[in-house]
C-alpha cells in the first residue's frame, strides 16, 4: 500500500500500474518489474509465503 508519493510500475508481459497514496498492488514471485518513481515513495508491504 502506498502511504505517500507516486510511481509507475511496469510488469513485464502484464499491466502498467500508476500508484499513489491509498493504492494497493499485488506483485507475484518471479514478476519482472520496472519502477519509475515520480515522487519519493513511502509504502507498507507484506510478504506471504
Protein backbone atom coordinates (compact mmCIF):
# COMPACT_ATOMS: atom_id res chain seq x y z
CA UNK A 1 0.00 0.00 0.00
CA UNK A 2 1.33 3.41 -0.95
CA UNK A 3 1.39 5.80 2.02
CA UNK A 4 2.68 8.82 0.08
CA UNK A 5 4.32 9.66 -3.24
CA UNK A 6 3.68 8.21 -6.68
CA UNK A 7 5.19 5.77 -9.15
CA UNK A 8 4.54 3.82 -12.33
CA UNK A 9 5.17 0.07 -12.15
CA UNK A 10 5.59 -1.76 -15.45
CA UNK A 11 5.13 -5.53 -15.16
CA UNK A 12 6.80 -7.49 -17.99
CA UNK A 13 4.10 -9.28 -20.03
CA UNK A 14 1.49 -7.62 -17.81
CA UNK A 15 -0.14 -4.34 -16.88
CA UNK A 16 1.33 -0.93 -16.20
CA UNK A 17 0.22 0.34 -12.80
CA UNK A 18 0.08 4.00 -11.76
CA UNK A 19 0.11 4.09 -7.95
CA UNK A 20 -0.31 6.84 -5.39
CA UNK A 21 -1.50 7.32 -1.80
CA UNK A 22 -4.03 4.67 -0.78
CA UNK A 23 -3.33 2.40 -3.76
CA UNK A 24 -2.52 -1.27 -3.28
CA UNK A 25 -1.00 -3.75 -5.74
CA UNK A 26 -0.17 -7.45 -5.68
CA UNK A 27 3.16 -8.47 -7.20
CA UNK A 28 3.89 -12.16 -7.53
CA UNK A 29 7.15 -14.01 -7.04
CA UNK A 30 9.07 -14.00 -10.30
CA UNK A 31 7.41 -10.85 -11.70
CA UNK A 32 9.92 -8.71 -13.59
CA UNK A 33 9.07 -5.08 -12.87
CA UNK A 34 10.42 -1.63 -13.71
CA UNK A 35 9.58 1.15 -11.27
CA UNK A 36 9.60 4.81 -12.28
CA UNK A 37 9.31 6.90 -9.12
CA UNK A 38 7.72 10.32 -9.70
CA UNK A 39 7.71 11.42 -6.03
CA UNK A 40 9.52 9.85 -3.08
CA UNK A 41 7.57 6.71 -2.12
CA UNK A 42 6.60 5.61 1.35
CA UNK A 43 4.88 2.26 1.34
CA UNK A 44 3.85 -0.61 3.58
CA UNK A 45 4.14 -4.17 2.32
CA UNK A 46 3.66 -7.77 3.39
CA UNK A 47 5.31 -10.93 2.15
CA UNK A 48 3.20 -14.10 2.18
CA UNK A 49 4.85 -17.49 1.82
